[in-house]
Protein backbone atom coordinates (compact mmCIF):
# COMPACT_ATOMS: atom_id res chain seq x y z
CA UNK A 1 -0.23 2.84 -34.04
CA UNK A 2 -0.78 2.58 -30.29
CA UNK A 3 -1.63 -1.12 -30.49
CA UNK A 4 1.54 -1.81 -32.49
CA UNK A 5 3.63 0.12 -29.97
CA UNK A 6 2.09 -1.81 -27.09
CA UNK A 7 2.70 -5.16 -28.74
CA UNK A 8 6.29 -4.25 -29.53
CA UNK A 9 6.74 -3.14 -25.95
CA UNK A 10 5.20 -6.41 -24.75
CA UNK A 11 7.65 -8.43 -26.83
CA UNK A 12 10.63 -6.45 -25.50
CA UNK A 13 9.43 -6.77 -21.90
CA UNK A 14 8.77 -10.49 -22.29
CA UNK A 15 12.22 -11.02 -23.79
CA UNK A 16 13.91 -9.01 -21.03
CA UNK A 17 12.06 -10.89 -18.30
CA UNK A 18 13.06 -14.21 -19.83
CA UNK A 19 16.71 -13.12 -19.98
CA UNK A 20 16.83 -12.14 -16.28
CA UNK A 21 16.94 -15.78 -15.25
CA UNK A 22 13.99 -15.32 -12.87
CA UNK A 23 11.96 -18.57 -12.89
CA UNK A 24 8.51 -18.61 -14.43
CA UNK A 25 5.59 -19.48 -12.20
CA UNK A 26 4.31 -23.02 -12.53
CA UNK A 27 0.89 -22.81 -14.15
CA UNK A 28 -1.70 -25.33 -15.22
CA UNK A 29 -4.33 -24.79 -17.90
CA UNK A 30 -5.75 -21.30 -18.52
CA UNK A 31 -3.19 -19.65 -16.26
CA UNK A 32 -4.24 -21.34 -13.02
CA UNK A 33 -1.41 -22.14 -10.59
CA UNK A 34 -0.33 -25.76 -10.39
CA UNK A 35 -1.56 -27.18 -7.09
CA UNK A 36 1.23 -28.27 -4.75
CA UNK A 37 4.05 -26.45 -6.57
CA UNK A 38 5.91 -23.40 -5.38
CA UNK A 39 5.07 -21.38 -2.28
CA UNK A 40 1.62 -21.63 -0.72
CA UNK A 41 2.04 -18.31 1.10
CA UNK A 42 -1.17 -16.26 0.86
CA UNK A 43 -0.55 -14.02 3.85
CA UNK A 44 -1.87 -10.47 3.85
CA UNK A 45 0.72 -9.32 6.40
CA UNK A 46 4.08 -11.03 6.69
CA UNK A 47 4.62 -13.57 9.46
CA UNK A 48 8.40 -13.62 9.36
CA UNK A 49 11.29 -13.17 11.73
CA UNK A 50 13.12 -9.85 11.58
CA UNK A 51 15.99 -11.47 9.69
CA UNK A 52 13.74 -13.28 7.21
CA UNK A 53 11.68 -10.17 6.52
CA UNK A 54 14.89 -8.20 5.97
CA UNK A 55 16.08 -10.78 3.45
CA UNK A 56 12.74 -10.61 1.64
CA UNK A 57 13.01 -6.84 1.38
CA UNK A 58 16.58 -7.12 0.12
CA UNK A 59 15.44 -9.44 -2.68
CA UNK A 60 12.55 -7.18 -3.62
CA UNK A 61 14.74 -4.07 -3.58
CA UNK A 62 17.30 -5.80 -5.79
CA UNK A 63 14.56 -6.72 -8.27
CA UNK A 64 13.16 -3.19 -8.26
CA UNK A 65 16.65 -1.79 -8.85
CA UNK A 66 17.17 -4.22 -11.71
CA UNK A 67 13.90 -3.14 -13.32
CA UNK A 68 14.66 0.53 -12.79
CA UNK A 69 18.10 0.31 -14.35
CA UNK A 70 16.64 -1.56 -17.35
CA UNK A 71 13.98 1.12 -17.87
CA UNK A 72 11.00 -0.84 -16.54
CA UNK A 73 10.86 0.39 -12.94
CA UNK A 74 9.33 3.83 -13.50
CA UNK A 75 7.60 3.61 -16.86
CA UNK A 76 5.14 6.49 -16.40
CA UNK A 77 7.58 8.87 -14.69
CA UNK A 78 9.40 11.75 -16.42
CA UNK A 79 12.87 11.10 -17.82
CA UNK A 80 14.46 13.40 -15.22
CA UNK A 81 13.58 10.78 -12.60
CA UNK A 82 14.74 7.82 -14.68
CA UNK A 83 11.31 7.21 -16.17
CA UNK A 84 10.20 6.45 -19.71
CA UNK A 85 7.29 8.95 -19.91
CA UNK A 86 4.95 6.22 -21.16
CA UNK A 87 1.22 5.93 -20.57
CA UNK A 88 -0.30 3.73 -17.86
CA UNK A 89 -1.25 1.14 -20.47
CA UNK A 90 2.45 0.30 -20.88
CA UNK A 91 2.76 -0.12 -17.12
CA UNK A 92 -0.20 -2.49 -17.18
CA UNK A 93 1.33 -4.54 -20.01
CA UNK A 94 4.59 -4.92 -18.10
CA UNK A 95 2.78 -5.84 -14.87
CA UNK A 96 0.86 -8.55 -16.74
CA UNK A 97 4.04 -10.04 -18.16
CA UNK A 98 5.86 -9.74 -14.83
CA UNK A 99 3.15 -11.71 -13.02
CA UNK A 100 4.16 -14.78 -15.05
CA UNK A 101 7.50 -14.81 -13.19
CA UNK A 102 8.31 -15.56 -9.56
CA UNK A 103 9.94 -12.25 -8.63
CA UNK A 104 9.89 -12.81 -4.88
CA UNK A 105 6.48 -11.59 -3.71
CA UNK A 106 5.60 -8.19 -2.30
CA UNK A 107 6.11 -6.01 0.77
CA UNK A 108 4.03 -3.02 1.88
CA UNK A 109 7.10 -0.89 2.68
CA UNK A 110 8.35 -1.05 -0.90
CA UNK A 111 4.84 -0.28 -2.16
CA UNK A 112 4.56 2.72 0.19
CA UNK A 113 7.93 4.01 -1.01
CA UNK A 114 7.20 3.63 -4.72
CA UNK A 115 3.52 4.50 -4.96
CA UNK A 116 2.84 6.87 -2.05
CA UNK A 117 5.86 8.79 -0.85
CA UNK A 118 7.85 9.18 -4.08
CA UNK A 119 4.90 10.79 -5.94
CA UNK A 120 4.12 12.97 -2.91
CA UNK A 121 7.68 14.33 -2.98
CA UNK A 122 7.35 14.93 -6.70
CA UNK A 123 4.32 17.16 -6.03
CA UNK A 124 5.37 18.96 -2.84
CA UNK A 125 9.14 18.65 -2.61
CA UNK A 126 11.65 21.35 -3.40
CA UNK A 127 13.89 20.81 -6.39
CA UNK A 128 16.67 19.70 -4.05
CA UNK A 129 14.33 17.21 -2.35
CA UNK A 130 13.13 15.79 -5.65
CA UNK A 131 16.69 15.31 -6.85
CA UNK A 132 17.75 13.80 -3.54
CA UNK A 133 14.89 11.38 -2.92
CA UNK A 134 12.88 10.41 -6.00
CA UNK A 135 15.48 8.34 -7.83
CA UNK A 136 16.69 6.46 -4.71
CA UNK A 137 13.06 5.69 -3.83
CA UNK A 138 12.01 4.61 -7.33
CA UNK A 139 15.06 2.37 -7.63
CA UNK A 140 14.47 0.75 -4.23
CA UNK A 141 17.88 1.87 -2.95
CA UNK A 142 16.19 3.60 -0.02
CA UNK A 143 12.81 2.96 1.63
CA UNK A 144 10.36 5.27 3.38
CA UNK A 145 7.43 4.67 5.74
CA UNK A 146 4.40 6.78 6.72
CA UNK A 147 4.51 8.37 10.16
CA UNK A 148 0.84 9.37 10.26
CA UNK A 149 -1.45 7.55 12.73
CA UNK A 150 -1.20 8.01 16.49
CA UNK A 151 -2.81 6.28 19.47
CA UNK A 152 -5.31 9.15 19.73
CA UNK A 153 -5.49 10.00 16.03
CA UNK A 154 -6.21 7.04 13.82
CA UNK A 155 -9.32 7.55 11.73
CA UNK A 156 -9.30 11.23 12.70
CA UNK A 157 -5.77 11.92 11.51
CA UNK A 158 -6.23 15.69 11.85
CA UNK A 159 -6.43 15.22 15.64
CA UNK A 160 -2.77 14.16 15.84
CA UNK A 161 -0.74 15.55 18.71
CA UNK A 162 2.91 14.90 17.82
CA UNK A 163 4.48 18.36 18.20
CA UNK A 164 7.17 20.02 16.11
CA UNK A 165 8.52 23.30 17.47
CA UNK A 166 10.86 25.45 15.43
CA UNK A 167 14.25 26.40 16.82
CA UNK A 168 16.22 28.39 14.26
CA UNK A 169 16.81 26.21 11.19
CA UNK A 170 15.62 23.07 12.98
CA UNK A 171 12.37 21.56 14.22
CA UNK A 172 12.28 19.68 17.51
CA UNK A 173 9.75 16.83 17.37
CA UNK A 174 8.23 14.85 20.24
CA UNK A 175 5.35 12.39 20.19
CA UNK A 176 4.31 8.89 19.20
CA UNK A 177 3.19 7.23 15.98
CA UNK A 178 1.59 3.80 15.64
CA UNK A 179 0.61 1.19 13.01
CA UNK A 180 3.62 2.22 10.92
CA UNK A 181 4.25 -0.50 8.33
CA UNK A 182 7.89 -1.39 7.80
CA UNK A 183 9.33 1.28 10.10
CA UNK A 184 11.98 -1.11 11.39
CA UNK A 185 13.45 -1.40 7.86
CA UNK A 186 12.91 2.13 6.54
CA UNK A 187 15.67 4.68 6.08
CA UNK A 188 13.20 7.58 5.89
CA UNK A 189 9.73 8.51 7.07
CA UNK A 190 7.09 10.96 5.89
CA UNK A 191 6.07 12.62 9.15
CA UNK A 192 3.00 14.75 9.82
CA UNK A 193 3.35 16.82 13.00
CA UNK A 194 1.49 19.66 14.69
CA UNK A 195 3.36 22.93 14.38
CA UNK A 196 0.64 25.36 15.51
CA UNK A 197 -1.78 24.28 18.28
CA UNK A 198 -3.56 27.65 18.29
CA UNK A 199 -5.38 27.22 14.98
CA UNK A 200 -8.08 24.66 13.96
CA UNK A 201 -6.71 21.16 13.75
CA UNK A 202 -6.60 20.89 9.94
CA UNK A 203 -4.57 24.11 9.62
CA UNK A 204 -1.80 23.61 12.15
CA UNK A 205 0.10 20.62 10.72
CA UNK A 206 3.31 20.41 8.70
CA UNK A 207 4.93 17.55 6.79
CA UNK A 208 8.59 16.50 7.04
CA UNK A 209 10.95 13.90 5.65
CA UNK A 210 12.77 12.38 8.60
CA UNK A 211 15.76 10.02 8.77
CA UNK A 212 14.77 6.97 10.80
CA UNK A 213 18.16 6.77 12.55
CA UNK A 214 18.09 10.17 14.23
CA UNK A 215 18.92 10.40 17.94
CA UNK A 216 15.75 10.26 20.02
CA UNK A 217 13.79 8.15 17.51
CA UNK A 218 12.90 4.61 18.60
CA UNK A 219 10.98 1.90 16.71
CA UNK A 220 9.14 -0.88 18.55
CA UNK A 221 7.51 -3.68 16.50
CA UNK A 222 3.92 -4.71 17.30
CA UNK A 223 3.00 -8.41 17.31
CA UNK A 224 -0.08 -9.10 15.17
CA UNK A 225 -2.60 -11.87 15.70
CA UNK A 226 -1.28 -13.55 12.54
CA UNK A 227 2.15 -13.76 14.22
CA UNK A 228 4.11 -11.18 12.24
CA UNK A 229 5.39 -7.74 13.18
CA UNK A 230 4.66 -5.70 10.06
CA UNK A 231 3.38 -2.79 12.16
CA UNK A 232 5.37 -0.68 14.59
CA UNK A 233 5.17 2.02 17.20
CA UNK A 234 7.56 4.93 16.69
CA UNK A 235 8.56 7.15 19.60
CA UNK A 236 10.09 10.59 19.05
CA UNK A 237 11.80 12.31 21.96
CA UNK A 238 13.17 15.77 21.08
CA UNK A 239 14.18 14.61 17.61
CA UNK A 240 15.82 17.42 15.63
CA UNK A 241 14.95 17.78 11.93
CA UNK A 242 16.52 20.45 9.70
CA UNK A 243 14.03 22.78 8.04
CA UNK A 244 15.50 21.71 4.70
CA UNK A 245 13.61 18.42 5.19
CA UNK A 246 10.23 20.14 5.57
CA UNK A 247 7.87 18.84 2.84
CA UNK A 248 5.63 21.64 1.60
CA UNK A 249 4.78 24.88 3.35
CA UNK A 250 4.49 25.34 7.10
CA UNK A 251 0.86 24.61 8.01
CA UNK A 252 0.19 22.70 4.77
CA UNK A 253 0.62 19.26 6.32
CA UNK A 254 -3.03 18.31 5.94
CA UNK A 255 -2.86 18.87 2.19
CA UNK A 256 0.30 16.77 1.96
CA UNK A 257 -1.29 14.02 4.06
CA UNK A 258 -4.45 13.95 1.94
CA UNK A 259 -2.35 13.63 -1.19
CA UNK A 260 -0.43 10.67 0.20
CA UNK A 261 -3.66 9.05 1.43
CA UNK A 262 -5.19 9.55 -2.02
CA UNK A 263 -2.27 7.68 -3.56
CA UNK A 264 -2.73 4.99 -0.88
CA UNK A 265 -6.39 4.42 -1.73
CA UNK A 266 -5.62 4.26 -5.41
CA UNK A 267 -2.75 1.82 -4.86
CA UNK A 268 -4.87 -0.35 -2.54
CA UNK A 269 -7.75 -0.61 -4.98
CA UNK A 270 -5.41 -1.66 -7.80
CA UNK A 271 -3.37 -4.07 -5.69
CA UNK A 272 -3.48 -7.70 -6.81
CA UNK A 273 -0.50 -8.97 -4.82
CA UNK A 274 -1.97 -8.96 -1.30
CA UNK A 275 -3.26 -12.22 0.18
CA UNK A 276 -4.66 -15.09 -1.84
CA UNK A 277 -5.87 -14.49 -5.39
CA UNK A 278 -9.07 -15.64 -7.05
CA UNK A 279 -6.96 -18.07 -9.12
CA UNK A 280 -5.56 -19.66 -5.97
CA UNK A 281 -9.08 -19.79 -4.56
CA UNK A 282 -10.31 -21.73 -7.58
CA UNK A 283 -7.35 -24.09 -7.19
CA UNK A 284 -8.28 -24.67 -3.56
CA UNK A 285 -11.89 -25.33 -4.55
CA UNK A 286 -10.83 -28.02 -7.01
CA UNK A 287 -8.50 -29.63 -4.46
CA UNK A 288 -11.10 -29.77 -1.68
CA UNK A 289 -14.02 -30.62 -3.96
CA UNK A 290 -15.83 -27.44 -2.92
CA UNK A 291 -16.43 -26.67 -6.60
CA UNK A 292 -18.82 -29.65 -6.67
CA UNK A 293 -20.80 -28.55 -3.63
CA UNK A 294 -23.97 -26.71 -4.78
CA UNK A 295 -23.78 -24.09 -2.01
CA UNK A 296 -20.02 -23.50 -2.03
CA UNK A 297 -19.99 -23.46 -5.81
CA UNK A 298 -22.26 -20.42 -5.76
CA UNK A 299 -20.01 -18.77 -3.19
CA UNK A 300 -17.03 -19.48 -5.44
CA UNK A 301 -18.89 -17.97 -8.37
CA UNK A 302 -19.36 -14.80 -6.34
CA UNK A 303 -15.57 -14.64 -5.81
CA UNK A 304 -14.91 -14.97 -9.54
CA UNK A 305 -17.62 -12.48 -10.49
CA UNK A 306 -16.31 -9.95 -7.97
CA UNK A 307 -12.85 -10.28 -9.48
CA UNK A 308 -14.15 -9.76 -13.02
CA UNK A 309 -16.14 -6.70 -11.94
CA UNK A 310 -13.04 -5.37 -10.22
CA UNK A 311 -11.07 -5.75 -13.45
CA UNK A 312 -13.76 -3.82 -15.35
CA UNK A 313 -13.71 -1.07 -12.73
CA UNK A 314 -9.92 -0.89 -12.87
CA UNK A 315 -9.96 -0.46 -16.65
CA UNK A 316 -12.62 2.24 -16.39
CA UNK A 317 -10.56 4.09 -13.80
CA UNK A 318 -7.45 3.75 -15.96
CA UNK A 319 -9.26 5.31 -18.91
CA UNK A 320 -10.50 8.14 -16.70
CA UNK A 321 -6.99 8.76 -15.40
CA UNK A 322 -5.63 8.89 -18.95
CA UNK A 323 -8.21 11.60 -19.71
CA UNK A 324 -6.92 13.57 -16.72
CA UNK A 325 -9.97 12.93 -14.55
CA UNK A 326 -9.13 12.54 -10.82
CA UNK A 327 -10.64 9.56 -9.01
CA UNK A 328 -11.68 11.66 -6.02
CA UNK A 329 -14.25 9.94 -3.83
CA UNK A 330 -14.35 7.05 -6.31
CA UNK A 331 -11.04 5.95 -4.82
CA UNK A 332 -12.87 5.30 -1.54
CA UNK A 333 -15.42 3.13 -3.33
CA UNK A 334 -12.69 1.14 -5.06
CA UNK A 335 -10.84 0.63 -1.78
CA UNK A 336 -13.95 -0.74 -0.08
CA UNK A 337 -14.73 -2.96 -3.06
CA UNK A 338 -11.21 -4.39 -2.95
CA UNK A 339 -11.48 -5.20 0.75
CA UNK A 340 -14.87 -6.80 0.15
CA UNK A 341 -13.37 -9.01 -2.56
CA UNK A 342 -10.63 -10.16 -0.17
CA UNK A 343 -13.26 -10.80 2.51
CA UNK A 344 -15.27 -12.87 0.04
CA UNK A 345 -12.25 -15.07 -0.52
CA UNK A 346 -11.84 -15.42 3.26
CA UNK A 347 -15.45 -16.53 3.65
CA UNK A 348 -15.12 -19.11 0.91
CA UNK A 349 -11.85 -20.69 2.05
CA UNK A 350 -13.12 -20.81 5.64
CA UNK A 351 -16.14 -22.82 4.51
CA UNK A 352 -14.15 -24.98 2.08
CA UNK A 353 -11.35 -25.90 4.49
CA UNK A 354 -13.18 -26.24 7.79
CA UNK A 355 -10.82 -27.60 10.51
CA UNK A 356 -7.87 -27.67 8.10
CA UNK A 357 -7.79 -23.88 8.27
CA UNK A 358 -6.84 -23.95 11.96
CA UNK A 359 -4.85 -27.20 12.27
CA UNK A 360 -1.37 -27.28 10.75
CA UNK A 361 -1.06 -30.82 9.44
CA UNK A 362 1.74 -29.93 7.03
CA UNK A 363 -0.63 -30.28 4.08
CA UNK A 364 0.31 -27.88 1.27
CA UNK A 365 -2.08 -25.03 0.55
CA UNK A 366 -4.49 -25.47 3.49
CA UNK A 367 -3.37 -24.11 6.88
CA UNK A 368 -1.51 -21.32 5.06
CA UNK A 369 -4.86 -19.68 4.25
CA UNK A 370 -5.23 -18.76 7.92
CA UNK A 371 -2.83 -15.86 7.36
CA UNK A 372 -5.10 -14.50 4.67
CA UNK A 373 -8.20 -14.83 6.85
CA UNK A 374 -6.53 -13.20 9.86
CA UNK A 375 -4.95 -10.41 7.83
CA UNK A 376 -7.85 -9.17 5.70
CA UNK A 377 -9.67 -7.30 8.53
CA UNK A 378 -6.61 -5.06 8.85
CA UNK A 379 -7.39 -3.50 5.50
CA UNK A 380 -10.74 -2.32 6.80
CA UNK A 381 -8.60 0.16 8.74
CA UNK A 382 -5.49 0.68 6.58
CA UNK A 383 -5.73 3.66 4.28
CA UNK A 384 -8.70 5.04 6.18
CA UNK A 385 -11.31 2.95 7.98
CA UNK A 386 -14.53 1.78 6.31
CA UNK A 387 -16.43 4.40 8.29
CA UNK A 388 -14.19 7.19 6.98
CA UNK A 389 -14.56 5.90 3.41
CA UNK A 390 -18.35 5.89 3.74
CA UNK A 391 -18.30 9.47 5.00
CA UNK A 392 -16.18 10.52 2.01
CA UNK A 393 -18.53 8.79 -0.41
CA UNK A 394 -21.64 10.21 1.24
CA UNK A 395 -20.43 13.79 1.46
CA UNK A 396 -18.31 14.19 -1.69
CA UNK A 397 -20.08 11.92 -4.14
CA UNK A 398 -23.69 11.68 -2.98
CA UNK A 399 -23.92 15.23 -1.66
CA UNK A 400 -25.37 14.17 1.68
CA UNK A 401 -25.12 16.51 4.68
CA UNK A 402 -21.81 16.34 6.51
CA UNK A 403 -21.65 14.74 9.93
CA UNK A 404 -21.84 17.26 12.78
CA UNK A 405 -18.34 18.29 13.83
CA UNK A 406 -18.23 20.02 17.19
CA UNK A 407 -14.55 20.90 16.79
CA UNK A 408 -14.98 22.87 13.56
CA UNK A 409 -13.20 26.22 13.78
CA UNK A 410 -11.90 25.56 17.30
CA UNK A 411 -8.15 25.83 17.95
CA UNK A 412 -6.61 22.40 18.41
CA UNK A 413 -5.37 23.33 21.88
CA UNK A 414 -8.98 23.87 23.07
CA UNK A 415 -10.43 20.62 21.70
CA UNK A 416 -11.46 18.21 24.43
CA UNK A 417 -9.51 14.97 24.23
């Protein structure tokens, strides 16, 4: 029965996608992209002007809204949020069919909104917050960024120092956030701030939903080595937030943050739309002749094998999720495996292209790979650095002794910084 339902759903989704008028991707045999056709963009982080990036987000939001209104934008969500209450296997079927169409690409801000902040609000938000935010976020009508990391609190997020002091029914927030993806385009932010400096650092934080146009809030884009400005600094100077926008209980910010980060690791490990794909890598190998080089051919085989193993792992995790089993520390393993797969692609294309990777001759599909190579190292930090992931795996999965923490049990105010 399930197989018949999935196939019927696949036919409906395929028919709807064809009727949208969105062009199909040009493909050669066995699903490989046709070399020289379409966009050769394989960037990990966007290298666009402010105006061009805004237009990209507008297109992606319009497509998400179109899917949502047709019943395909929130397949696994409850009906009260505009969802279809279907299993993840239906979501996977739709994603497979959607990948055959050129729907405009991807942007991390939309992904953060859909897959990180919307589900966090569903878990921790009040009924009023869920009714106010979830549908606008799932439909792409409004976007939200993460206001987590700070100059002195990156990998150790619990050390953050942005302060929120309560004054009646408001909180007054001052501090600085950094590495905030898409902040310049977001209408909202999920903010973690310190509300009690006299308790240990993990206990004195609170989460808020904050409008990004409040007086005293300023966004400054950061130029990346790839050329783009996906990341931003955010400065907060006596910004007033109503208590009605507090997300979760006072002092429960660490729990809220961990939940969002858990969604982030899961979304990262399942992400197939960041940077160049293994299919594009094979196409490059055929174009350059690297697939006939005995050494590079083995390196290419490693890329393909890593992808296949990643697909197997993804299916195993999907089955576990359907049985109600949380990923836990396994999410950290999957995140590191995903980054390693992207790094493997970087190593191969660097060897296959040689000087063409760094000299823009106008040749399709060559110099463009530089944006993949330059962007991949960023994901060794995003969502928790490799070192943090290894600690999680060691302590929570392998049962190894925890690293010594000299600030355990000490009030945040007394920690040496």
